[in-house]
Amino acid sequence: MEELSIKIKIGDREYPMKVDAEDEERIRLAGKKINEKIKLYRDQFGIDDKQDLLAMVAFDSLYEKLQAEASSSNIGESAIDKINYLSRLISEVTD
């Protein structure tokens, strides 16, 4: 795998990092989304403290991740229930 040296700007700071070439686009998108959330919170709440803004973004991002995991889990459970139901129906027909 090819490793790239890139800089990601979050808030007013640049962070150098080495990333796999295949991950570069996703990492840059993550940095862009963080900056968008920082701007949203700054505009919405009038907060200028960088630490407060980053804490709010971190909290919001983790909440979204946990919500997506719960949703994914519910979808998986629902799919398993439907597969089991169909299996029972097939078993009843073939018996």
PDB file of N, CA and C in Angstrom:
ATOM      1  N   MET A   1       0.822  -1.180   0.000  1.00  0.00           N
ATOM      2  CA  MET A   1       0.000   0.000   0.000  1.00  0.00           C
ATOM      3  C   MET A   1       0.867   1.244   0.000  1.00  0.00           C
ATOM      4  N   GLU A   2       0.417   2.205  -0.780  1.00  0.00           N
ATOM      5  CA  GLU A   2       1.152   3.458  -0.845  1.00  0.00           C
ATOM      6  C   GLU A   2       0.689   4.379   0.276  1.00  0.00           C
ATOM      7  N   GLU A   3       1.656   4.952   0.983  1.00  0.00           N
ATOM      8  CA  GLU A   3       1.351   5.870   2.077  1.00  0.00           C
ATOM      9  C   GLU A   3       1.620   7.294   1.623  1.00  0.00           C
ATOM     10  N   LEU A   4       0.687   8.187   1.938  1.00  0.00           N
ATOM     11  CA  LEU A   4       0.819   9.593   1.569  1.00  0.00           C
ATOM     12  C   LEU A   4       0.996  10.451   2.802  1.00  0.00           C
ATOM     13  N   SER A   5       1.738  11.523   2.666  1.00  0.00           N
ATOM     14  CA  SER A   5       1.834  12.529   3.723  1.00  0.00           C
ATOM     15  C   SER A   5       0.892  13.660   3.347  1.00  0.00           C
ATOM     16  N   ILE A   6      -0.086  13.913   4.210  1.00  0.00           N
ATOM     17  CA  ILE A   6      -1.056  14.970   3.942  1.00  0.00           C
ATOM     18  C   ILE A   6      -1.199  15.852   5.179  1.00  0.00           C
ATOM     19  N   LYS A   7      -1.852  16.987   4.988  1.00  0.00           N
ATOM     20  CA  LYS A   7      -2.177  17.871   6.103  1.00  0.00           C
ATOM     21  C   LYS A   7      -3.677  18.094   6.078  1.00  0.00           C
ATOM     22  N   ILE A   8      -4.289  17.939   7.235  1.00  0.00           N
ATOM     23  CA  ILE A   8      -5.717  18.179   7.381  1.00  0.00           C
ATOM     24  C   ILE A   8      -5.888  19.377   8.303  1.00  0.00           C
ATOM     25  N   LYS A   9      -6.655  20.353   7.845  1.00  0.00           N
ATOM     26  CA  LYS A   9      -6.915  21.536   8.661  1.00  0.00           C
ATOM     27  C   LYS A   9      -8.238  21.338   9.386  1.00  0.00           C
ATOM     28  N   ILE A  10      -8.171  21.398  10.710  1.00  0.00           N
ATOM     29  CA  ILE A  10      -9.358  21.302  11.553  1.00  0.00           C
ATOM     30  C   ILE A  10      -9.368  22.542  12.429  1.00  0.00           C
ATOM     31  N   GLY A  11     -10.451  23.301  12.322  1.00  0.00           N
ATOM     32  CA  GLY A  11     -10.472  24.579  13.021  1.00  0.00           C
ATOM     33  C   GLY A  11      -9.426  25.479  12.389  1.00  0.00           C
ATOM     34  N   ASP A  12      -8.554  25.995  13.196  1.00  0.00           N
ATOM     35  CA  ASP A  12      -7.498  26.867  12.679  1.00  0.00           C
ATOM     36  C   ASP A  12      -6.126  26.198  12.690  1.00  0.00           C
ATOM     37  N   ARG A  13      -6.098  24.891  12.886  1.00  0.00           N
ATOM     38  CA  ARG A  13      -4.811  24.189  12.961  1.00  0.00           C
ATOM     39  C   ARG A  13      -4.686  23.150  11.862  1.00  0.00           C
ATOM     40  N   GLU A  14      -3.459  22.965  11.424  1.00  0.00           N
ATOM     41  CA  GLU A  14      -3.172  21.918  10.443  1.00  0.00           C
ATOM     42  C   GLU A  14      -2.546  20.734  11.165  1.00  0.00           C
ATOM     43  N   TYR A  15      -2.971  19.547  10.771  1.00  0.00           N
ATOM     44  CA  TYR A  15      -2.474  18.314  11.365  1.00  0.00           C
ATOM     45  C   TYR A  15      -1.849  17.456  10.275  1.00  0.00           C
ATOM     46  N   PRO A  16      -0.510  17.284  10.342  1.00  0.00           N
ATOM     47  CA  PRO A  16       0.126  16.407   9.359  1.00  0.00           C
ATOM     48  C   PRO A  16      -0.135  14.950   9.727  1.00  0.00           C
ATOM     49  N   MET A  17      -0.326  14.129   8.721  1.00  0.00           N
ATOM     50  CA  MET A  17      -0.531  12.700   8.974  1.00  0.00           C
ATOM     51  C   MET A  17      -0.110  11.891   7.770  1.00  0.00           C
ATOM     52  N   LYS A  18       0.187  10.647   8.040  1.00  0.00           N
ATOM     53  CA  LYS A  18       0.492   9.699   6.976  1.00  0.00           C
ATOM     54  C   LYS A  18      -0.696   8.764   6.869  1.00  0.00           C
ATOM     55  N   VAL A  19      -1.206   8.627   5.641  1.00  0.00           N
ATOM     56  CA  VAL A  19      -2.405   7.822   5.424  1.00  0.00           C
ATOM     57  C   VAL A  19      -2.195   6.922   4.214  1.00  0.00           C
ATOM     58  N   ASP A  20      -2.922   5.822   4.184  1.00  0.00           N
ATOM     59  CA  ASP A  20      -2.921   4.978   2.999  1.00  0.00           C
ATOM     60  C   ASP A  20      -3.610   5.739   1.872  1.00  0.00           C
ATOM     61  N   ALA A  21      -3.109   5.588   0.668  1.00  0.00           N
ATOM     62  CA  ALA A  21      -3.663   6.311  -0.475  1.00  0.00           C
ATOM     63  C   ALA A  21      -5.155   6.043  -0.631  1.00  0.00           C
ATOM     64  N   GLU A  22      -5.569   4.824  -0.356  1.00  0.00           N
ATOM     65  CA  GLU A  22      -6.987   4.476  -0.521  1.00  0.00           C
ATOM     66  C   GLU A  22      -7.880   5.158   0.523  1.00  0.00           C
ATOM     67  N   ASP A  23      -7.292   5.624   1.624  1.00  0.00           N
ATOM     68  CA  ASP A  23      -8.056   6.283   2.686  1.00  0.00           C
ATOM     69  C   ASP A  23      -8.047   7.809   2.581  1.00  0.00           C
ATOM     70  N   GLU A  24      -7.239   8.344   1.687  1.00  0.00           N
ATOM     71  CA  GLU A  24      -7.058   9.797   1.639  1.00  0.00           C
ATOM     72  C   GLU A  24      -8.376  10.547   1.443  1.00  0.00           C
ATOM     73  N   GLU A  25      -9.184  10.133   0.492  1.00  0.00           N
ATOM     74  CA  GLU A  25     -10.428  10.847   0.206  1.00  0.00           C
ATOM     75  C   GLU A  25     -11.361  10.844   1.415  1.00  0.00           C
ATOM     76  N   ARG A  26     -11.482   9.708   2.075  1.00  0.00           N
ATOM     77  CA  ARG A  26     -12.361   9.593   3.244  1.00  0.00           C
ATOM     78  C   ARG A  26     -11.850  10.468   4.387  1.00  0.00           C
ATOM     79  N   ILE A  27     -10.546  10.514   4.582  1.00  0.00           N
ATOM     80  CA  ILE A  27      -9.953  11.319   5.651  1.00  0.00           C
ATOM     81  C   ILE A  27     -10.166  12.808   5.371  1.00  0.00           C
ATOM     82  N   ARG A  28      -9.974  13.216   4.133  1.00  0.00           N
ATOM     83  CA  ARG A  28     -10.208  14.623   3.775  1.00  0.00           C
ATOM     84  C   ARG A  28     -11.686  14.982   3.949  1.00  0.00           C
ATOM     85  N   LEU A  29     -12.570  14.070   3.594  1.00  0.00           N
ATOM     86  CA  LEU A  29     -14.003  14.309   3.779  1.00  0.00           C
ATOM     87  C   LEU A  29     -14.335  14.435   5.265  1.00  0.00           C
ATOM     88  N   ALA A  30     -13.727  13.596   6.089  1.00  0.00           N
ATOM     89  CA  ALA A  30     -13.958  13.679   7.538  1.00  0.00           C
ATOM     90  C   ALA A  30     -13.524  15.049   8.060  1.00  0.00           C
ATOM     91  N   GLY A  31     -12.359  15.525   7.633  1.00  0.00           N
ATOM     92  CA  GLY A  31     -11.888  16.850   8.040  1.00  0.00           C
ATOM     93  C   GLY A  31     -12.839  17.945   7.590  1.00  0.00           C
ATOM     94  N   LYS A  32     -13.351  17.817   6.376  1.00  0.00           N
ATOM     95  CA  LYS A  32     -14.292  18.811   5.851  1.00  0.00           C
ATOM     96  C   LYS A  32     -15.576  18.817   6.676  1.00  0.00           C
ATOM     97  N   LYS A  33     -16.089  17.642   7.005  1.00  0.00           N
ATOM     98  CA  LYS A  33     -17.330  17.550   7.785  1.00  0.00           C
ATOM     99  C   LYS A  33     -17.143  18.113   9.193  1.00  0.00           C
ATOM    100  N   ILE A  34     -15.982  17.865   9.796  1.00  0.00           N
ATOM    101  CA  ILE A  34     -15.695  18.431  11.119  1.00  0.00           C
ATOM    102  C   ILE A  34     -15.730  19.959  11.039  1.00  0.00           C
ATOM    103  N   ASN A  35     -15.077  20.512  10.032  1.00  0.00           N
ATOM    104  CA  ASN A  35     -15.057  21.969   9.875  1.00  0.00           C
ATOM    105  C   ASN A  35     -16.455  22.539   9.621  1.00  0.00           C
ATOM    106  N   GLU A  36     -17.266  21.807   8.871  1.00  0.00           N
ATOM    107  CA  GLU A  36     -18.638  22.254   8.633  1.00  0.00           C
ATOM    108  C   GLU A  36     -19.437  22.271   9.937  1.00  0.00           C
ATOM    109  N   LYS A  37     -19.255  21.241  10.772  1.00  0.00           N
ATOM    110  CA  LYS A  37     -19.965  21.203  12.056  1.00  0.00           C
ATOM    111  C   LYS A  37     -19.473  22.307  12.990  1.00  0.00           C
ATOM    112  N   ILE A  38     -18.177  22.573  12.980  1.00  0.00           N
ATOM    113  CA  ILE A  38     -17.632  23.666  13.790  1.00  0.00           C
ATOM    114  C   ILE A  38     -18.301  24.974  13.383  1.00  0.00           C
ATOM    115  N   LYS A  39     -18.368  25.231  12.085  1.00  0.00           N
ATOM    116  CA  LYS A  39     -18.994  26.459  11.585  1.00  0.00           C
ATOM    117  C   LYS A  39     -20.474  26.501  11.961  1.00  0.00           C
ATOM    118  N   LEU A  40     -21.165  25.376  11.838  1.00  0.00           N
ATOM    119  CA  LEU A  40     -22.582  25.316  12.184  1.00  0.00           C
ATOM    120  C   LEU A  40     -22.801  25.685  13.647  1.00  0.00           C
ATOM    121  N   TYR A  41     -22.034  25.080  14.546  1.00  0.00           N
ATOM    122  CA  TYR A  41     -22.180  25.378  15.969  1.00  0.00           C
ATOM    123  C   TYR A  41     -21.784  26.819  16.285  1.00  0.00           C
ATOM    124  N   ARG A  42     -20.732  27.306  15.638  1.00  0.00           N
ATOM    125  CA  ARG A  42     -20.306  28.693  15.859  1.00  0.00           C
ATOM    126  C   ARG A  42     -21.423  29.650  15.448  1.00  0.00           C
ATOM    127  N   ASP A  43     -22.011  29.412  14.275  1.00  0.00           N
ATOM    128  CA  ASP A  43     -23.074  30.288  13.779  1.00  0.00           C
ATOM    129  C   ASP A  43     -24.363  30.133  14.580  1.00  0.00           C
ATOM    130  N   GLN A  44     -24.694  28.893  14.919  1.00  0.00           N
ATOM    131  CA  GLN A  44     -25.963  28.623  15.600  1.00  0.00           C
ATOM    132  C   GLN A  44     -25.968  29.094  17.045  1.00  0.00           C
ATOM    133  N   PHE A  45     -24.858  28.901  17.750  1.00  0.00           N
ATOM    134  CA  PHE A  45     -24.815  29.210  19.173  1.00  0.00           C
ATOM    135  C   PHE A  45     -23.945  30.412  19.525  1.00  0.00           C
ATOM    136  N   GLY A  46     -23.238  30.961  18.547  1.00  0.00           N
ATOM    137  CA  GLY A  46     -22.395  32.120  18.812  1.00  0.00           C
ATOM    138  C   GLY A  46     -21.193  31.800  19.682  1.00  0.00           C
ATOM    139  N   ILE A  47     -20.725  30.579  19.631  1.00  0.00           N
ATOM    140  CA  ILE A  47     -19.586  30.142  20.444  1.00  0.00           C
ATOM    141  C   ILE A  47     -18.309  30.328  19.632  1.00  0.00           C
ATOM    142  N   ASP A  48     -17.304  30.929  20.263  1.00  0.00           N
ATOM    143  CA  ASP A  48     -16.025  31.117  19.581  1.00  0.00           C
ATOM    144  C   ASP A  48     -14.902  30.269  20.181  1.00  0.00           C
ATOM    145  N   ASP A  49     -15.126  29.717  21.364  1.00  0.00           N
ATOM    146  CA  ASP A  49     -14.093  28.918  22.020  1.00  0.00           C
ATOM    147  C   ASP A  49     -13.880  27.608  21.247  1.00  0.00           C
ATOM    148  N   LYS A  50     -12.672  27.433  20.739  1.00  0.00           N
ATOM    149  CA  LYS A  50     -12.364  26.265  19.901  1.00  0.00           C
ATOM    150  C   LYS A  50     -12.546  24.946  20.654  1.00  0.00           C
ATOM    151  N   GLN A  51     -12.157  24.911  21.911  1.00  0.00           N
ATOM    152  CA  GLN A  51     -12.285  23.679  22.684  1.00  0.00           C
ATOM    153  C   GLN A  51     -13.755  23.296  22.855  1.00  0.00           C
ATOM    154  N   ASP A  52     -14.595  24.281  23.148  1.00  0.00           N
ATOM    155  CA  ASP A  52     -16.029  24.011  23.275  1.00  0.00           C
ATOM    156  C   ASP A  52     -16.610  23.520  21.953  1.00  0.00           C
ATOM    157  N   LEU A  53     -16.225  24.167  20.864  1.00  0.00           N
ATOM    158  CA  LEU A  53     -16.726  23.767  19.545  1.00  0.00           C
ATOM    159  C   LEU A  53     -16.297  22.346  19.200  1.00  0.00           C
ATOM    160  N   LEU A  54     -15.031  22.022  19.451  1.00  0.00           N
ATOM    161  CA  LEU A  54     -14.546  20.676  19.155  1.00  0.00           C
ATOM    162  C   LEU A  54     -15.210  19.630  20.038  1.00  0.00           C
ATOM    163  N   ALA A  55     -15.456  19.974  21.308  1.00  0.00           N
ATOM    164  CA  ALA A  55     -16.145  19.041  22.201  1.00  0.00           C
ATOM    165  C   ALA A  55     -17.561  18.771  21.699  1.00  0.00           C
ATOM    166  N   MET A  56     -18.246  19.819  21.239  1.00  0.00           N
ATOM    167  CA  MET A  56     -19.600  19.646  20.724  1.00  0.00           C
ATOM    168  C   MET A  56     -19.597  18.796  19.458  1.00  0.00           C
ATOM    169  N   VAL A  57     -18.631  19.007  18.593  1.00  0.00           N
ATOM    170  CA  VAL A  57     -18.523  18.220  17.365  1.00  0.00           C
ATOM    171  C   VAL A  57     -18.212  16.760  17.702  1.00  0.00           C
ATOM    172  N   ALA A  58     -17.314  16.542  18.647  1.00  0.00           N
ATOM    173  CA  ALA A  58     -16.973  15.172  19.044  1.00  0.00           C
ATOM    174  C   ALA A  58     -18.201  14.458  19.611  1.00  0.00           C
ATOM    175  N   PHE A  59     -18.941  15.140  20.466  1.00  0.00           N
ATOM    176  CA  PHE A  59     -20.145  14.559  21.053  1.00  0.00           C
ATOM    177  C   PHE A  59     -21.170  14.240  19.966  1.00  0.00           C
ATOM    178  N   ASP A  60     -21.417  15.195  19.090  1.00  0.00           N
ATOM    179  CA  ASP A  60     -22.388  15.016  18.021  1.00  0.00           C
ATOM    180  C   ASP A  60     -21.987  13.858  17.104  1.00  0.00           C
ATOM    181  N   SER A  61     -20.721  13.773  16.772  1.00  0.00           N
ATOM    182  CA  SER A  61     -20.238  12.716  15.882  1.00  0.00           C
ATOM    183  C   SER A  61     -20.384  11.342  16.518  1.00  0.00           C
ATOM    184  N   LEU A  62     -20.055  11.232  17.798  1.00  0.00           N
ATOM    185  CA  LEU A  62     -20.189   9.947  18.472  1.00  0.00           C
ATOM    186  C   LEU A  62     -21.651   9.554  18.609  1.00  0.00           C
ATOM    187  N   TYR A  63     -22.509  10.527  18.890  1.00  0.00           N
ATOM    188  CA  TYR A  63     -23.942  10.243  18.985  1.00  0.00           C
ATOM    189  C   TYR A  63     -24.459   9.707  17.645  1.00  0.00           C
ATOM    190  N   GLU A  64     -24.077  10.356  16.542  1.00  0.00           N
ATOM    191  CA  GLU A  64     -24.498   9.900  15.218  1.00  0.00           C
ATOM    192  C   GLU A  64     -23.998   8.483  14.938  1.00  0.00           C
ATOM    193  N   LYS A  65     -22.766   8.193  15.333  1.00  0.00           N
ATOM    194  CA  LYS A  65     -22.201   6.851  15.129  1.00  0.00           C
ATOM    195  C   LYS A  65     -22.984   5.811  15.923  1.00  0.00           C
ATOM    196  N   LEU A  66     -23.264   6.106  17.190  1.00  0.00           N
ATOM    197  CA  LEU A  66     -24.018   5.165  18.020  1.00  0.00           C
ATOM    198  C   LEU A  66     -25.433   4.969  17.483  1.00  0.00           C
ATOM    199  N   GLN A  67     -26.027   6.034  17.002  1.00  0.00           N
ATOM    200  CA  GLN A  67     -27.367   5.945  16.428  1.00  0.00           C
ATOM    201  C   GLN A  67     -27.351   5.072  15.165  1.00  0.00           C
ATOM    202  N   ALA A  68     -26.348   5.242  14.323  1.00  0.00           N
ATOM    203  CA  ALA A  68     -26.233   4.441  13.105  1.00  0.00           C
ATOM    204  C   ALA A  68     -26.003   2.968  13.439  1.00  0.00           C
ATOM    205  N   GLU A  69     -25.181   2.706  14.460  1.00  0.00           N
ATOM    206  CA  GLU A  69     -24.937   1.315  14.871  1.00  0.00           C
ATOM    207  C   GLU A  69     -26.218   0.672  15.374  1.00  0.00           C
ATOM    208  N   ALA A  70     -26.997   1.399  16.160  1.00  0.00           N
ATOM    209  CA  ALA A  70     -28.253   0.858  16.681  1.00  0.00           C
ATOM    210  C   ALA A  70     -29.215   0.588  15.534  1.00  0.00           C
ATOM    211  N   SER A  71     -29.286   1.488  14.591  1.00  0.00           N
ATOM    212  CA  SER A  71     -30.160   1.318  13.436  1.00  0.00           C
ATOM    213  C   SER A  71     -29.731   0.109  12.614  1.00  0.00           C
ATOM    214  N   SER A  72     -28.427  -0.025  12.411  1.00  0.00           N
ATOM    215  CA  SER A  72     -27.887  -1.164  11.663  1.00  0.00           C
ATOM    216  C   SER A  72     -28.194  -2.469  12.371  1.00  0.00           C
ATOM    217  N   SER A  73     -28.067  -2.462  13.684  1.00  0.00           N
ATOM    218  CA  SER A  73     -28.362  -3.660  14.471  1.00  0.00           C
ATOM    219  C   SER A  73     -29.831  -4.040  14.347  1.00  0.00           C
ATOM    220  N   ASN A  74     -30.712  -3.036  14.404  1.00  0.00           N
ATOM    221  CA  ASN A  74     -32.149  -3.289  14.269  1.00  0.00           C
ATOM    222  C   ASN A  74     -32.478  -3.858  12.893  1.00  0.00           C
ATOM    223  N   ILE A  75     -31.841  -3.340  11.861  1.00  0.00           N
ATOM    224  CA  ILE A  75     -32.059  -3.841  10.506  1.00  0.00           C
ATOM    225  C   ILE A  75     -31.593  -5.286  10.407  1.00  0.00           C
ATOM    226  N   GLY A  76     -30.436  -5.584  11.000  1.00  0.00           N
ATOM    227  CA  GLY A  76     -29.909  -6.948  10.981  1.00  0.00           C
ATOM    228  C   GLY A  76     -30.835  -7.916  11.697  1.00  0.00           C
ATOM    229  N   GLU A  77     -31.347  -7.508  12.851  1.00  0.00           N
ATOM    230  CA  GLU A  77     -32.260  -8.362  13.607  1.00  0.00           C
ATOM    231  C   GLU A  77     -33.549  -8.593  12.828  1.00  0.00           C
ATOM    232  N   SER A  78     -34.048  -7.555  12.193  1.00  0.00           N
ATOM    233  CA  SER A  78     -35.272  -7.664  11.402  1.00  0.00           C
ATOM    234  C   SER A  78     -35.063  -8.619  10.227  1.00  0.00           C
ATOM    235  N   ALA A  79     -33.925  -8.528   9.590  1.00  0.00           N
ATOM    236  CA  ALA A  79     -33.627  -9.410   8.465  1.00  0.00           C
ATOM    237  C   ALA A  79     -33.544 -10.869   8.928  1.00  0.00           C
ATOM    238  N   ILE A  80     -32.911 -11.085  10.055  1.00  0.00           N
ATOM    239  CA  ILE A  80     -32.803 -12.450  10.596  1.00  0.00           C
ATOM    240  C   ILE A  80     -34.192 -12.989  10.933  1.00  0.00           C
ATOM    241  N   ASP A  81     -35.035 -12.166  11.537  1.00  0.00           N
ATOM    242  CA  ASP A  81     -36.406 -12.595  11.847  1.00  0.00           C
ATOM    243  C   ASP A  81     -37.159 -12.983  10.587  1.00  0.00           C
ATOM    244  N   LYS A  82     -37.014 -12.210   9.534  1.00  0.00           N
ATOM    245  CA  LYS A  82     -37.705 -12.515   8.274  1.00  0.00           C
ATOM    246  C   LYS A  82     -37.163 -13.782   7.634  1.00  0.00           C
ATOM    247  N   ILE A  83     -35.865 -13.974   7.694  1.00  0.00           N
ATOM    248  CA  ILE A  83     -35.260 -15.191   7.146  1.00  0.00           C
ATOM    249  C   ILE A  83     -35.762 -16.412   7.919  1.00  0.00           C
ATOM    250  N   ASN A  84     -35.805 -16.307   9.241  1.00  0.00           N
ATOM    251  CA  ASN A  84     -36.314 -17.418  10.048  1.00  0.00           C
ATOM    252  C   ASN A  84     -37.772 -17.715   9.723  1.00  0.00           C
ATOM    253  N   TYR A  85     -38.571 -16.676   9.543  1.00  0.00           N
ATOM    254  CA  TYR A  85     -39.983 -16.848   9.197  1.00  0.00           C
ATOM    255  C   TYR A  85     -40.121 -17.562   7.861  1.00  0.00           C
ATOM    256  N   LEU A  86     -39.344 -17.112   6.861  1.00  0.00           N
ATOM    257  CA  LEU A  86     -39.393 -17.749   5.549  1.00  0.00           C
ATOM    258  C   LEU A  86     -38.917 -19.192   5.614  1.00  0.00           C
ATOM    259  N   SER A  87     -37.913 -19.460   6.415  1.00  0.00           N
ATOM    260  CA  SER A  87     -37.423 -20.832   6.584  1.00  0.00           C
ATOM    261  C   SER A  87     -38.506 -21.725   7.162  1.00  0.00           C
ATOM    262  N   ARG A  88     -39.242 -21.207   8.157  1.00  0.00           N
ATOM    263  CA  ARG A  88     -40.347 -21.984   8.736  1.00  0.00           C
ATOM    264  C   ARG A  88     -41.430 -22.260   7.698  1.00  0.00           C
ATOM    265  N   LEU A  89     -41.742 -21.238   6.880  1.00  0.00           N
ATOM    266  CA  LEU A  89     -42.747 -21.434   5.839  1.00  0.00           C
ATOM    267  C   LEU A  89     -42.315 -22.488   4.839  1.00  0.00           C
ATOM    268  N   ILE A  90     -41.069 -22.447   4.440  1.00  0.00           N
ATOM    269  CA  ILE A  90     -40.540 -23.438   3.482  1.00  0.00           C
ATOM    270  C   ILE A  90     -40.573 -24.821   4.098  1.00  0.00           C
ATOM    271  N   SER A  91     -40.203 -24.910   5.376  1.00  0.00           N
ATOM    272  CA  SER A  91     -40.214 -26.210   6.060  1.00  0.00           C
ATOM    273  C   SER A  91     -41.620 -26.784   6.113  1.00  0.00           C
ATOM    274  N   GLU A  92     -42.610 -25.923   6.363  1.00  0.00           N
ATOM    275  CA  GLU A  92     -44.001 -26.386   6.437  1.00  0.00           C
ATOM    276  C   GLU A  92     -44.476 -26.878   5.069  1.00  0.00           C
ATOM    277  N   VAL A  93     -44.053 -26.230   4.014  1.00  0.00           N
ATOM    278  CA  VAL A  93     -44.467 -26.615   2.659  1.00  0.00           C
ATOM    279  C   VAL A  93     -43.806 -27.914   2.234  1.00  0.00           C
ATOM    280  N   THR A  94     -42.546 -28.085   2.611  1.00  0.00           N
ATOM    281  CA  THR A  94     -41.816 -29.283   2.169  1.00  0.00           C
ATOM    282  C   THR A  94     -42.095 -30.500   3.029  1.00  0.00           C
ATOM    283  N   ASP A  95     -42.697 -30.340   4.180  1.00  0.00           N
ATOM    284  CA  ASP A  95     -42.996 -31.483   5.058  1.00  0.00           C
ATOM    285  C   ASP A  95     -44.213 -32.232   4.618  1.00  0.00           C
TER     286      ASP A  95
END
